[in-house]
Amino acid sequence: MSPELDIRTAVLTAVGLSLFFAVIALIGGINSIFRGRHIPYFRMRYERIVKGWRQLLLFAMLLALAWVLNAYAEPAAY
């Protein structure tokens, strides 16, 4: 009684995971930037804000990956 897994299910799972981690990166990036603004020391503030912008870049990359997977993964698998 095992469920049948097909390519469409695998693609949707990959897209869902990509979107899930993109949302986590977005929340973490915004949180890091806002918390970094209140740090009194320049170097620590700079590192925290740069970390936030990198997480926002990761968000954009994961969002693009989700779109590419949704649009092209299933036809490429077939």
PDB file of N, CA and C in Angstrom:
ATOM      1  N   MET A   1       0.815  -1.177   0.000  1.00  0.00           N
ATOM      2  CA  MET A   1       0.000   0.000   0.000  1.00  0.00           C
ATOM      3  C   MET A   1       0.872   1.259   0.000  1.00  0.00           C
ATOM      4  N   SER A   2       1.867   1.287  -0.870  1.00  0.00           N
ATOM      5  CA  SER A   2       2.715   2.476  -0.939  1.00  0.00           C
ATOM      6  C   SER A   2       2.102   3.480  -1.909  1.00  0.00           C
ATOM      7  N   PRO A   3       2.180   4.764  -1.562  1.00  0.00           N
ATOM      8  CA  PRO A   3       1.631   5.778  -2.479  1.00  0.00           C
ATOM      9  C   PRO A   3       2.525   5.914  -3.707  1.00  0.00           C
ATOM     10  N   GLU A   4       1.891   6.180  -4.807  1.00  0.00           N
ATOM     11  CA  GLU A   4       2.651   6.342  -6.037  1.00  0.00           C
ATOM     12  C   GLU A   4       3.191   7.761  -6.115  1.00  0.00           C
ATOM     13  N   LEU A   5       4.484   7.849  -6.329  1.00  0.00           N
ATOM     14  CA  LEU A   5       5.132   9.141  -6.484  1.00  0.00           C
ATOM     15  C   LEU A   5       5.548   9.296  -7.934  1.00  0.00           C
ATOM     16  N   ASP A   6       5.133  10.379  -8.529  1.00  0.00           N
ATOM     17  CA  ASP A   6       5.493  10.617  -9.913  1.00  0.00           C
ATOM     18  C   ASP A   6       6.354  11.875 -10.000  1.00  0.00           C
ATOM     19  N   ILE A   7       6.708  12.235 -11.208  1.00  0.00           N
ATOM     20  CA  ILE A   7       7.580  13.381 -11.428  1.00  0.00           C
ATOM     21  C   ILE A   7       6.894  14.670 -11.008  1.00  0.00           C
ATOM     22  N   ARG A   8       5.613  14.789 -11.275  1.00  0.00           N
ATOM     23  CA  ARG A   8       4.873  16.003 -10.909  1.00  0.00           C
ATOM     24  C   ARG A   8       4.894  16.225  -9.394  1.00  0.00           C
ATOM     25  N   THR A   9       4.728  15.169  -8.631  1.00  0.00           N
ATOM     26  CA  THR A   9       4.765  15.274  -7.182  1.00  0.00           C
ATOM     27  C   THR A   9       6.144  15.709  -6.711  1.00  0.00           C
ATOM     28  N   ALA A  10       7.192  15.157  -7.310  1.00  0.00           N
ATOM     29  CA  ALA A  10       8.550  15.532  -6.942  1.00  0.00           C
ATOM     30  C   ALA A  10       8.825  17.001  -7.255  1.00  0.00           C
ATOM     31  N   VAL A  11       8.350  17.464  -8.402  1.00  0.00           N
ATOM     32  CA  VAL A  11       8.545  18.870  -8.776  1.00  0.00           C
ATOM     33  C   VAL A  11       7.794  19.786  -7.815  1.00  0.00           C
ATOM     34  N   LEU A  12       6.558  19.435  -7.496  1.00  0.00           N
ATOM     35  CA  LEU A  12       5.792  20.271  -6.571  1.00  0.00           C
ATOM     36  C   LEU A  12       6.413  20.286  -5.176  1.00  0.00           C
ATOM     37  N   THR A  13       6.978  19.173  -4.758  1.00  0.00           N
ATOM     38  CA  THR A  13       7.660  19.130  -3.468  1.00  0.00           C
ATOM     39  C   THR A  13       8.897  20.018  -3.490  1.00  0.00           C
ATOM     40  N   ALA A  14       9.667  19.969  -4.558  1.00  0.00           N
ATOM     41  CA  ALA A  14      10.860  20.805  -4.679  1.00  0.00           C
ATOM     42  C   ALA A  14      10.492  22.290  -4.706  1.00  0.00           C
ATOM     43  N   VAL A  15       9.432  22.630  -5.414  1.00  0.00           N
ATOM     44  CA  VAL A  15       8.976  24.023  -5.455  1.00  0.00           C
ATOM     45  C   VAL A  15       8.508  24.472  -4.077  1.00  0.00           C
ATOM     46  N   GLY A  16       7.757  23.620  -3.400  1.00  0.00           N
ATOM     47  CA  GLY A  16       7.278  23.957  -2.068  1.00  0.00           C
ATOM     48  C   GLY A  16       8.406  24.155  -1.073  1.00  0.00           C
ATOM     49  N   LEU A  17       9.397  23.275  -1.110  1.00  0.00           N
ATOM     50  CA  LEU A  17      10.542  23.433  -0.208  1.00  0.00           C
ATOM     51  C   LEU A  17      11.334  24.690  -0.532  1.00  0.00           C
ATOM     52  N   SER A  18      11.489  24.973  -1.802  1.00  0.00           N
ATOM     53  CA  SER A  18      12.201  26.182  -2.205  1.00  0.00           C
ATOM     54  C   SER A  18      11.480  27.432  -1.717  1.00  0.00           C
ATOM     55  N   LEU A  19      10.171  27.459  -1.853  1.00  0.00           N
ATOM     56  CA  LEU A  19       9.403  28.604  -1.377  1.00  0.00           C
ATOM     57  C   LEU A  19       9.428  28.709   0.143  1.00  0.00           C
ATOM     58  N   PHE A  20       9.390  27.575   0.835  1.00  0.00           N
ATOM     59  CA  PHE A  20       9.454  27.575   2.293  1.00  0.00           C
ATOM     60  C   PHE A  20      10.763  28.186   2.778  1.00  0.00           C
ATOM     61  N   PHE A  21      11.883  27.750   2.211  1.00  0.00           N
ATOM     62  CA  PHE A  21      13.173  28.285   2.623  1.00  0.00           C
ATOM     63  C   PHE A  21      13.360  29.730   2.152  1.00  0.00           C
ATOM     64  N   ALA A  22      12.709  30.118   1.059  1.00  0.00           N
ATOM     65  CA  ALA A  22      12.765  31.509   0.620  1.00  0.00           C
ATOM     66  C   ALA A  22      12.072  32.417   1.630  1.00  0.00           C
ATOM     67  N   VAL A  23      10.945  31.989   2.149  1.00  0.00           N
ATOM     68  CA  VAL A  23      10.238  32.791   3.155  1.00  0.00           C
ATOM     69  C   VAL A  23      11.068  32.900   4.435  1.00  0.00           C
ATOM     70  N   ILE A  24      11.720  31.810   4.827  1.00  0.00           N
ATOM     71  CA  ILE A  24      12.586  31.860   6.009  1.00  0.00           C
ATOM     72  C   ILE A  24      13.746  32.829   5.782  1.00  0.00           C
ATOM     73  N   ALA A  25      14.343  32.817   4.591  1.00  0.00           N
ATOM     74  CA  ALA A  25      15.431  33.750   4.282  1.00  0.00           C
ATOM     75  C   ALA A  25      14.939  35.189   4.274  1.00  0.00           C
ATOM     76  N   LEU A  26      13.732  35.419   3.770  1.00  0.00           N
ATOM     77  CA  LEU A  26      13.172  36.772   3.756  1.00  0.00           C
ATOM     78  C   LEU A  26      12.967  37.293   5.171  1.00  0.00           C
ATOM     79  N   ILE A  27      12.361  36.493   6.015  1.00  0.00           N
ATOM     80  CA  ILE A  27      12.110  36.920   7.388  1.00  0.00           C
ATOM     81  C   ILE A  27      13.427  37.145   8.127  1.00  0.00           C
ATOM     82  N   GLY A  28      14.373  36.225   7.957  1.00  0.00           N
ATOM     83  CA  GLY A  28      15.675  36.380   8.610  1.00  0.00           C
ATOM     84  C   GLY A  28      16.440  37.585   8.113  1.00  0.00           C
ATOM     85  N   GLY A  29      16.380  37.856   6.826  1.00  0.00           N
ATOM     86  CA  GLY A  29      17.084  39.016   6.267  1.00  0.00           C
ATOM     87  C   GLY A  29      16.527  40.328   6.759  1.00  0.00           C
ATOM     88  N   ILE A  30      15.222  40.464   6.752  1.00  0.00           N
ATOM     89  CA  ILE A  30      14.595  41.703   7.235  1.00  0.00           C
ATOM     90  C   ILE A  30      14.864  41.886   8.719  1.00  0.00           C
ATOM     91  N   ASN A  31      14.758  40.797   9.475  1.00  0.00           N
ATOM     92  CA  ASN A  31      15.013  40.853  10.906  1.00  0.00           C
ATOM     93  C   ASN A  31      16.462  41.251  11.196  1.00  0.00           C
ATOM     94  N   SER A  32      17.399  40.703  10.447  1.00  0.00           N
ATOM     95  CA  SER A  32      18.809  41.007  10.654  1.00  0.00           C
ATOM     96  C   SER A  32      19.126  42.465  10.327  1.00  0.00           C
ATOM     97  N   ILE A  33      18.531  42.985   9.276  1.00  0.00           N
ATOM     98  CA  ILE A  33      18.772  44.385   8.918  1.00  0.00           C
ATOM     99  C   ILE A  33      18.212  45.313   9.991  1.00  0.00           C
ATOM    100  N   PHE A  34      16.997  45.056  10.445  1.00  0.00           N
ATOM    101  CA  PHE A  34      16.402  45.924  11.454  1.00  0.00           C
ATOM    102  C   PHE A  34      17.133  45.840  12.788  1.00  0.00           C
ATOM    103  N   ARG A  35      17.552  44.652  13.177  1.00  0.00           N
ATOM    104  CA  ARG A  35      18.298  44.523  14.435  1.00  0.00           C
ATOM    105  C   ARG A  35      19.694  45.114  14.315  1.00  0.00           C
ATOM    106  N   GLY A  36      20.275  45.050  13.140  1.00  0.00           N
ATOM    107  CA  GLY A  36      21.610  45.601  12.935  1.00  0.00           C
ATOM    108  C   GLY A  36      21.660  47.113  13.056  1.00  0.00           C
ATOM    109  N   ARG A  37      20.577  47.768  12.793  1.00  0.00           N
ATOM    110  CA  ARG A  37      20.553  49.234  12.871  1.00  0.00           C
ATOM    111  C   ARG A  37      20.690  49.756  14.293  1.00  0.00           C
ATOM    112  N   HIS A  38      20.421  48.914  15.273  1.00  0.00           N
ATOM    113  CA  HIS A  38      20.445  49.358  16.661  1.00  0.00           C
ATOM    114  C   HIS A  38      21.722  48.972  17.399  1.00  0.00           C
ATOM    115  N   ILE A  39      22.685  48.386  16.710  1.00  0.00           N
ATOM    116  CA  ILE A  39      23.950  48.008  17.330  1.00  0.00           C
ATOM    117  C   ILE A  39      24.864  49.232  17.336  1.00  0.00           C
ATOM    118  N   PRO A  40      25.456  49.577  18.480  1.00  0.00           N
ATOM    119  CA  PRO A  40      26.236  50.818  18.560  1.00  0.00           C
ATOM    120  C   PRO A  40      27.608  50.748  17.875  1.00  0.00           C
ATOM    121  N   TYR A  41      28.204  49.581  17.734  1.00  0.00           N
ATOM    122  CA  TYR A  41      29.551  49.485  17.164  1.00  0.00           C
ATOM    123  C   TYR A  41      29.475  49.284  15.663  1.00  0.00           C
ATOM    124  N   PHE A  42      30.329  50.049  14.949  1.00  0.00           N
ATOM    125  CA  PHE A  42      30.243  50.083  13.496  1.00  0.00           C
ATOM    126  C   PHE A  42      30.460  48.716  12.870  1.00  0.00           C
ATOM    127  N   ARG A  43      31.524  48.030  13.264  1.00  0.00           N
ATOM    128  CA  ARG A  43      31.876  46.763  12.624  1.00  0.00           C
ATOM    129  C   ARG A  43      30.777  45.712  12.828  1.00  0.00           C
ATOM    130  N   MET A  44      30.264  45.609  14.029  1.00  0.00           N
ATOM    131  CA  MET A  44      29.204  44.633  14.305  1.00  0.00           C
ATOM    132  C   MET A  44      27.924  45.007  13.568  1.00  0.00           C
ATOM    133  N   ARG A  45      27.615  46.304  13.527  1.00  0.00           N
ATOM    134  CA  ARG A  45      26.424  46.769  12.805  1.00  0.00           C
ATOM    135  C   ARG A  45      26.553  46.471  11.316  1.00  0.00           C
ATOM    136  N   TYR A  46      27.731  46.761  10.764  1.00  0.00           N
ATOM    137  CA  TYR A  46      27.976  46.529   9.344  1.00  0.00           C
ATOM    138  C   TYR A  46      27.835  45.044   9.000  1.00  0.00           C
ATOM    139  N   GLU A  47      28.430  44.174   9.822  1.00  0.00           N
ATOM    140  CA  GLU A  47      28.359  42.738   9.558  1.00  0.00           C
ATOM    141  C   GLU A  47      26.927  42.220   9.629  1.00  0.00           C
ATOM    142  N   ARG A  48      26.158  42.721  10.586  1.00  0.00           N
ATOM    143  CA  ARG A  48      24.772  42.263  10.735  1.00  0.00           C
ATOM    144  C   ARG A  48      23.926  42.718   9.540  1.00  0.00           C
ATOM    145  N   ILE A  49      24.116  43.937   9.087  1.00  0.00           N
ATOM    146  CA  ILE A  49      23.334  44.455   7.959  1.00  0.00           C
ATOM    147  C   ILE A  49      23.730  43.749   6.662  1.00  0.00           C
ATOM    148  N   VAL A  50      25.026  43.488   6.479  1.00  0.00           N
ATOM    149  CA  VAL A  50      25.473  42.759   5.286  1.00  0.00           C
ATOM    150  C   VAL A  50      24.900  41.348   5.289  1.00  0.00           C
ATOM    151  N   LYS A  51      24.865  40.714   6.457  1.00  0.00           N
ATOM    152  CA  LYS A  51      24.268  39.386   6.567  1.00  0.00           C
ATOM    153  C   LYS A  51      22.795  39.431   6.153  1.00  0.00           C
ATOM    154  N   GLY A  52      22.081  40.478   6.563  1.00  0.00           N
ATOM    155  CA  GLY A  52      20.682  40.627   6.181  1.00  0.00           C
ATOM    156  C   GLY A  52      20.505  40.780   4.683  1.00  0.00           C
ATOM    157  N   TRP A  53      21.363  41.577   4.057  1.00  0.00           N
ATOM    158  CA  TRP A  53      21.247  41.750   2.607  1.00  0.00           C
ATOM    159  C   TRP A  53      21.592  40.469   1.857  1.00  0.00           C
ATOM    160  N   ARG A  54      22.527  39.696   2.399  1.00  0.00           N
ATOM    161  CA  ARG A  54      22.851  38.406   1.770  1.00  0.00           C
ATOM    162  C   ARG A  54      21.674  37.448   1.873  1.00  0.00           C
ATOM    163  N   GLN A  55      20.968  37.494   2.985  1.00  0.00           N
ATOM    164  CA  GLN A  55      19.796  36.633   3.120  1.00  0.00           C
ATOM    165  C   GLN A  55      18.685  37.075   2.172  1.00  0.00           C
ATOM    166  N   LEU A  56      18.569  38.372   1.940  1.00  0.00           N
ATOM    167  CA  LEU A  56      17.582  38.838   0.961  1.00  0.00           C
ATOM    168  C   LEU A  56      17.977  38.418  -0.451  1.00  0.00           C
ATOM    169  N   LEU A  57      19.270  38.394  -0.737  1.00  0.00           N
ATOM    170  CA  LEU A  57      19.735  37.894  -2.024  1.00  0.00           C
ATOM    171  C   LEU A  57      19.434  36.400  -2.159  1.00  0.00           C
ATOM    172  N   LEU A  58      19.638  35.658  -1.072  1.00  0.00           N
ATOM    173  CA  LEU A  58      19.288  34.241  -1.059  1.00  0.00           C
ATOM    174  C   LEU A  58      17.795  34.060  -1.295  1.00  0.00           C
ATOM    175  N   PHE A  59      16.976  34.922  -0.712  1.00  0.00           N
ATOM    176  CA  PHE A  59      15.535  34.875  -0.947  1.00  0.00           C
ATOM    177  C   PHE A  59      15.217  35.023  -2.432  1.00  0.00           C
ATOM    178  N   ALA A  60      15.836  35.995  -3.075  1.00  0.00           N
ATOM    179  CA  ALA A  60      15.586  36.212  -4.503  1.00  0.00           C
ATOM    180  C   ALA A  60      16.037  35.020  -5.337  1.00  0.00           C
ATOM    181  N   MET A  61      17.171  34.427  -4.970  1.00  0.00           N
ATOM    182  CA  MET A  61      17.672  33.270  -5.713  1.00  0.00           C
ATOM    183  C   MET A  61      16.767  32.057  -5.524  1.00  0.00           C
ATOM    184  N   LEU A  62      16.277  31.846  -4.312  1.00  0.00           N
ATOM    185  CA  LEU A  62      15.373  30.721  -4.071  1.00  0.00           C
ATOM    186  C   LEU A  62      14.032  30.922  -4.773  1.00  0.00           C
ATOM    187  N   LEU A  63      13.588  32.157  -4.830  1.00  0.00           N
ATOM    188  CA  LEU A  63      12.345  32.453  -5.544  1.00  0.00           C
ATOM    189  C   LEU A  63      12.511  32.173  -7.036  1.00  0.00           C
ATOM    190  N   ALA A  64      13.654  32.569  -7.593  1.00  0.00           N
ATOM    191  CA  ALA A  64      13.930  32.285  -9.002  1.00  0.00           C
ATOM    192  C   ALA A  64      14.052  30.783  -9.239  1.00  0.00           C
ATOM    193  N   LEU A  65      14.675  30.074  -8.295  1.00  0.00           N
ATOM    194  CA  LEU A  65      14.795  28.623  -8.415  1.00  0.00           C
ATOM    195  C   LEU A  65      13.431  27.962  -8.403  1.00  0.00           C
ATOM    196  N   ALA A  66      12.545  28.426  -7.547  1.00  0.00           N
ATOM    197  CA  ALA A  66      11.194  27.861  -7.496  1.00  0.00           C
ATOM    198  C   ALA A  66      10.470  28.085  -8.818  1.00  0.00           C
ATOM    199  N   TRP A  67      10.628  29.260  -9.399  1.00  0.00           N
ATOM    200  CA  TRP A  67       9.982  29.544 -10.680  1.00  0.00           C
ATOM    201  C   TRP A  67      10.541  28.646 -11.790  1.00  0.00           C
ATOM    202  N   VAL A  68      11.878  28.507 -11.816  1.00  0.00           N
ATOM    203  CA  VAL A  68      12.505  27.674 -12.849  1.00  0.00           C
ATOM    204  C   VAL A  68      12.081  26.218 -12.682  1.00  0.00           C
ATOM    205  N   LEU A  69      12.066  25.739 -11.441  1.00  0.00           N
ATOM    206  CA  LEU A  69      11.632  24.360 -11.215  1.00  0.00           C
ATOM    207  C   LEU A  69      10.189  24.151 -11.665  1.00  0.00           C
ATOM    208  N   ASN A  70       9.342  25.098 -11.346  1.00  0.00           N
ATOM    209  CA  ASN A  70       7.937  24.967 -11.720  1.00  0.00           C
ATOM    210  C   ASN A  70       7.740  25.013 -13.229  1.00  0.00           C
ATOM    211  N   ALA A  71       8.519  25.829 -13.901  1.00  0.00           N
ATOM    212  CA  ALA A  71       8.325  26.006 -15.340  1.00  0.00           C
ATOM    213  C   ALA A  71       9.034  24.947 -16.183  1.00  0.00           C
ATOM    214  N   TYR A  72      10.226  24.503 -15.756  1.00  0.00           N
ATOM    215  CA  TYR A  72      11.048  23.702 -16.656  1.00  0.00           C
ATOM    216  C   TYR A  72      11.431  22.317 -16.144  1.00  0.00           C
ATOM    217  N   ALA A  73      11.242  22.007 -14.878  1.00  0.00           N
ATOM    218  CA  ALA A  73      11.736  20.719 -14.356  1.00  0.00           C
ATOM    219  C   ALA A  73      10.957  19.540 -14.893  1.00  0.00           C
ATOM    220  N   GLU A  74       9.645  19.649 -14.936  1.00  0.00           N
ATOM    221  CA  GLU A  74       8.847  18.504 -15.399  1.00  0.00           C
ATOM    222  C   GLU A  74       9.065  18.208 -16.882  1.00  0.00           C
ATOM    223  N   PRO A  75       9.042  19.224 -17.763  1.00  0.00           N
ATOM    224  CA  PRO A  75       9.317  18.902 -19.165  1.00  0.00           C
ATOM    225  C   PRO A  75      10.747  18.382 -19.382  1.00  0.00           C
ATOM    226  N   ALA A  76      11.708  18.855 -18.587  1.00  0.00           N
ATOM    227  CA  ALA A  76      13.077  18.371 -18.740  1.00  0.00           C
ATOM    228  C   ALA A  76      13.192  16.913 -18.281  1.00  0.00           C
ATOM    229  N   ALA A  77      12.417  16.540 -17.287  1.00  0.00           N
ATOM    230  CA  ALA A  77      12.473  15.158 -16.791  1.00  0.00           C
ATOM    231  C   ALA A  77      11.887  14.184 -17.818  1.00  0.00           C
ATOM    232  N   TYR A  78      10.878  14.642 -18.542  1.00  0.00           N
ATOM    233  CA  TYR A  78      10.284  13.761 -19.540  1.00  0.00           C
ATOM    234  C   TYR A  78      11.133  13.727 -20.790  1.00  0.00           C
TER     235      TYR A  78
END
